[in-house]
Amino acid sequence: MPMEKSLIPAWILVLTTAIALAPSLCYYNDDRPYVPPPQKQTYLHFFLHDTFSGDYPSAVFVADPNTTTAFGQVTAVDDPLTIGPNITSEVIGNARGLWVLSAQDAATLMVYMDFEFTLGEFNGSSISVFSRNPIIELERELAVVGGREKFRMAQGFARLKTYFANFRNGDVIVEYNVTVIHY
């Protein structure tokens, strides 16, 4: 019994020391407030080629609903981004991701894509969009929700305009005008 009673103060000392040292063992430091660098605004203009036809399509259906409508259809994309509307224009990157036909009453896609740039000043950088895309409208807007490299912490919007659409095979060329706010 006397040994157990002498261990109680020792354990109290160990626990209070651990509690006192715990704040200094944290993975963050409250001493310096975060000061972000100045914001930059970048304007991007390019064309996206969403191609279902040919031997090397850039868009492929990966899930098709078992219904009489296309609602719920999922498509994976690896679309080239070009400077001009012609597919032979200079390729500056690619858009990779998914889109889902997400409305029962209108042709509306839910878009989850990363636009990576592989040429020029923004080589290796990307912007990410996650937004609703009502494709039956000639002009529409997507939200820019993030980015990598030179577009870290990006936000902004992309204005889209259908440049060309082939309703028989699904091939589409879309013009993008993007405003990106980033650090």
Protein backbone atom coordinates (compact mmCIF):
# COMPACT_ATOMS: atom_id res chain seq x y z
CA MET A 1 0.00 0.00 0.00
CA PRO A 2 2.66 2.62 0.82
CA MET A 3 4.24 2.02 -2.60
CA GLU A 4 0.90 2.64 -4.39
CA LYS A 5 0.35 5.88 -2.45
CA SER A 6 3.81 7.14 -3.44
CA LEU A 7 3.10 6.44 -7.14
CA ILE A 8 0.02 8.68 -7.24
CA PRO A 9 1.99 11.96 -6.91
CA ALA A 10 4.47 10.69 -9.49
CA TRP A 11 1.66 10.00 -12.01
CA ILE A 12 0.11 13.39 -11.29
CA LEU A 13 3.48 15.00 -12.00
CA VAL A 14 3.87 13.04 -15.28
CA LEU A 15 0.36 13.91 -16.49
CA THR A 16 0.61 17.63 -15.64
CA THR A 17 3.99 17.83 -17.38
CA ALA A 18 2.55 16.14 -20.48
CA ILE A 19 -0.44 18.50 -20.51
CA ALA A 20 1.82 21.53 -20.10
CA LEU A 21 4.06 20.43 -22.99
CA ALA A 22 1.21 19.41 -25.32
CA PRO A 23 0.67 22.83 -26.98
CA SER A 24 4.33 23.01 -27.99
CA LEU A 25 4.04 19.61 -29.70
CA CYS A 26 1.28 20.75 -32.10
CA TYR A 27 1.81 20.66 -35.84
CA TYR A 28 0.81 24.30 -36.24
CA ASN A 29 1.97 27.56 -34.78
CA ASP A 30 -0.31 30.44 -33.76
CA ASP A 31 2.57 32.89 -33.31
CA ARG A 32 2.55 34.21 -36.89
CA PRO A 33 -0.65 35.03 -38.75
CA TYR A 34 -0.86 33.86 -42.34
CA VAL A 35 -0.37 36.65 -44.83
CA PRO A 36 -1.31 35.51 -48.33
CA PRO A 37 0.61 36.85 -51.31
CA PRO A 38 -1.20 39.38 -53.50
CA GLN A 39 -3.98 37.98 -55.64
CA LYS A 40 -3.49 37.69 -59.39
CA GLN A 41 -6.12 37.64 -62.08
CA THR A 42 -5.47 35.60 -65.23
CA TYR A 43 -7.60 35.38 -68.36
CA LEU A 44 -7.46 32.21 -70.43
CA HIS A 45 -8.96 31.52 -73.85
CA PHE A 46 -8.99 28.08 -75.49
CA PHE A 47 -11.16 25.50 -77.26
CA LEU A 48 -12.13 22.09 -75.87
CA HIS A 49 -12.66 19.21 -78.32
CA ASP A 50 -15.06 16.57 -76.94
CA THR A 51 -14.92 13.76 -79.52
CA PHE A 52 -16.93 10.52 -79.43
CA SER A 53 -16.28 9.50 -83.06
CA GLY A 54 -13.26 8.01 -84.80
CA ASP A 55 -10.63 5.50 -83.78
CA TYR A 56 -9.32 7.57 -80.84
CA PRO A 57 -12.26 9.25 -79.09
CA SER A 58 -11.54 11.69 -76.27
CA ALA A 59 -14.87 11.01 -74.56
CA VAL A 60 -16.24 7.57 -73.69
CA PHE A 61 -19.46 6.48 -71.99
CA VAL A 62 -18.51 4.56 -68.84
CA ALA A 63 -21.97 4.04 -67.34
CA ASP A 64 -25.28 3.92 -69.12
CA PRO A 65 -28.54 3.80 -67.14
CA ASN A 66 -30.98 1.02 -67.73
CA THR A 67 -33.76 3.43 -68.68
CA THR A 68 -35.39 4.84 -71.79
CA THR A 69 -33.67 8.21 -71.21
CA ALA A 70 -30.01 9.20 -71.00
CA PHE A 71 -30.48 10.57 -67.47
CA GLY A 72 -27.63 9.23 -65.30
CA GLN A 73 -25.24 8.57 -68.17
CA VAL A 74 -21.58 8.99 -67.09
CA THR A 75 -18.81 9.95 -69.52
CA ALA A 76 -15.04 9.97 -68.92
CA VAL A 77 -13.09 12.57 -70.88
CA ASP A 78 -9.52 13.30 -71.89
CA ASP A 79 -10.22 16.20 -74.23
CA PRO A 80 -7.51 18.24 -75.98
CA LEU A 81 -7.42 21.99 -75.40
CA THR A 82 -6.30 24.06 -78.39
CA ILE A 83 -5.57 27.70 -79.13
CA GLY A 84 -7.98 27.76 -82.08
CA PRO A 85 -11.21 25.96 -82.93
CA ASN A 86 -9.58 23.59 -85.41
CA ILE A 87 -8.29 20.29 -83.99
CA THR A 88 -5.03 20.93 -85.86
CA SER A 89 -4.50 24.14 -83.83
CA GLU A 90 -1.70 24.13 -81.28
CA VAL A 91 -2.57 21.89 -78.31
CA ILE A 92 -1.98 23.68 -75.01
CA GLY A 93 -3.31 21.04 -72.60
CA ASN A 94 -6.11 18.64 -71.82
CA ALA A 95 -9.29 18.41 -69.79
CA ARG A 96 -9.63 15.21 -67.82
CA GLY A 97 -12.54 14.15 -65.69
CA LEU A 98 -16.15 13.12 -65.77
CA TRP A 99 -19.48 14.53 -66.70
CA VAL A 100 -22.86 13.14 -65.79
CA LEU A 101 -26.17 13.78 -67.53
CA SER A 102 -27.86 15.04 -64.38
CA ALA A 103 -31.28 16.42 -65.29
CA GLN A 104 -34.41 14.59 -66.31
CA ASP A 105 -36.15 17.55 -67.90
CA ALA A 106 -33.30 19.24 -69.84
CA ALA A 107 -29.89 18.40 -71.26
CA THR A 108 -27.77 19.40 -68.29
CA LEU A 109 -24.40 17.96 -67.34
CA MET A 110 -22.70 17.93 -63.96
CA VAL A 111 -19.03 18.56 -64.81
CA TYR A 112 -16.02 17.46 -62.72
CA MET A 113 -12.88 18.25 -64.71
CA ASP A 114 -9.26 19.30 -64.32
CA PHE A 115 -7.84 21.47 -67.11
CA GLU A 116 -4.07 20.92 -67.22
CA PHE A 117 -1.90 23.20 -69.32
CA THR A 118 1.12 21.58 -70.96
CA LEU A 119 2.61 24.50 -72.85
CA GLY A 120 3.84 28.00 -72.19
CA GLU A 121 3.77 30.05 -69.02
CA PHE A 122 1.28 27.76 -67.25
CA ASN A 123 2.91 24.43 -68.21
CA GLY A 124 2.20 21.95 -65.38
CA SER A 125 -0.52 24.12 -63.84
CA SER A 126 -4.22 23.36 -63.85
CA ILE A 127 -7.62 24.69 -62.92
CA SER A 128 -10.47 22.53 -61.64
CA VAL A 129 -14.13 23.05 -62.42
CA PHE A 130 -17.11 21.56 -60.65
CA SER A 131 -20.37 22.91 -61.88
CA ARG A 132 -23.66 22.46 -63.67
CA ASN A 133 -23.52 22.84 -67.44
CA PRO A 134 -26.87 23.34 -69.22
CA ILE A 135 -25.60 22.32 -72.66
CA ILE A 136 -28.75 23.34 -74.55
CA GLU A 137 -27.94 26.99 -73.80
CA LEU A 138 -25.62 28.60 -76.33
CA GLU A 139 -23.69 30.45 -73.61
CA ARG A 140 -23.22 29.22 -70.05
CA GLU A 141 -20.88 29.47 -67.07
CA LEU A 142 -18.92 26.99 -64.94
CA ALA A 143 -17.34 27.60 -61.53
CA VAL A 144 -13.56 27.35 -61.12
CA VAL A 145 -13.11 25.79 -57.69
CA GLY A 146 -9.38 25.16 -57.41
CA GLY A 147 -6.08 24.64 -59.12
CA ARG A 148 -2.48 23.45 -58.97
CA GLU A 149 0.98 24.99 -59.34
CA LYS A 150 0.59 28.59 -60.61
CA PHE A 151 -3.17 28.36 -60.01
CA ARG A 152 -3.04 27.29 -56.36
CA MET A 153 -6.15 28.25 -54.41
CA ALA A 154 -7.80 29.33 -57.66
CA GLN A 155 -11.35 30.51 -57.92
CA GLY A 156 -13.23 32.10 -60.75
CA PHE A 157 -15.50 31.27 -63.63
CA ALA A 158 -15.43 29.95 -67.17
CA ARG A 159 -17.78 31.29 -69.81
CA LEU A 160 -18.58 28.65 -72.40
CA LYS A 161 -19.96 28.96 -75.87
CA THR A 162 -20.68 26.04 -78.18
CA TYR A 163 -18.61 26.60 -81.29
CA PHE A 164 -19.59 23.40 -83.12
CA ALA A 165 -21.89 20.45 -82.39
CA ASN A 166 -22.55 17.30 -84.40
CA PHE A 167 -25.82 15.91 -83.06
CA ARG A 168 -25.44 12.58 -84.88
CA ASN A 169 -22.17 11.46 -83.28
CA GLY A 170 -21.95 13.76 -80.21
CA ASP A 171 -18.73 15.57 -81.21
CA VAL A 172 -18.58 19.09 -79.78
CA ILE A 173 -16.12 21.99 -79.82
CA VAL A 174 -16.59 24.46 -76.96
CA GLU A 175 -14.96 27.88 -76.65
CA TYR A 176 -13.78 28.75 -73.13
CA ASN A 177 -13.12 32.24 -71.75
CA VAL A 178 -11.86 31.76 -68.19
CA THR A 179 -11.22 34.31 -65.46
CA VAL A 180 -9.01 32.85 -62.71
CA ILE A 181 -8.22 34.57 -59.43
CA HIS A 182 -5.24 32.95 -57.73
CA TYR A 183 -2.08 33.58 -55.70
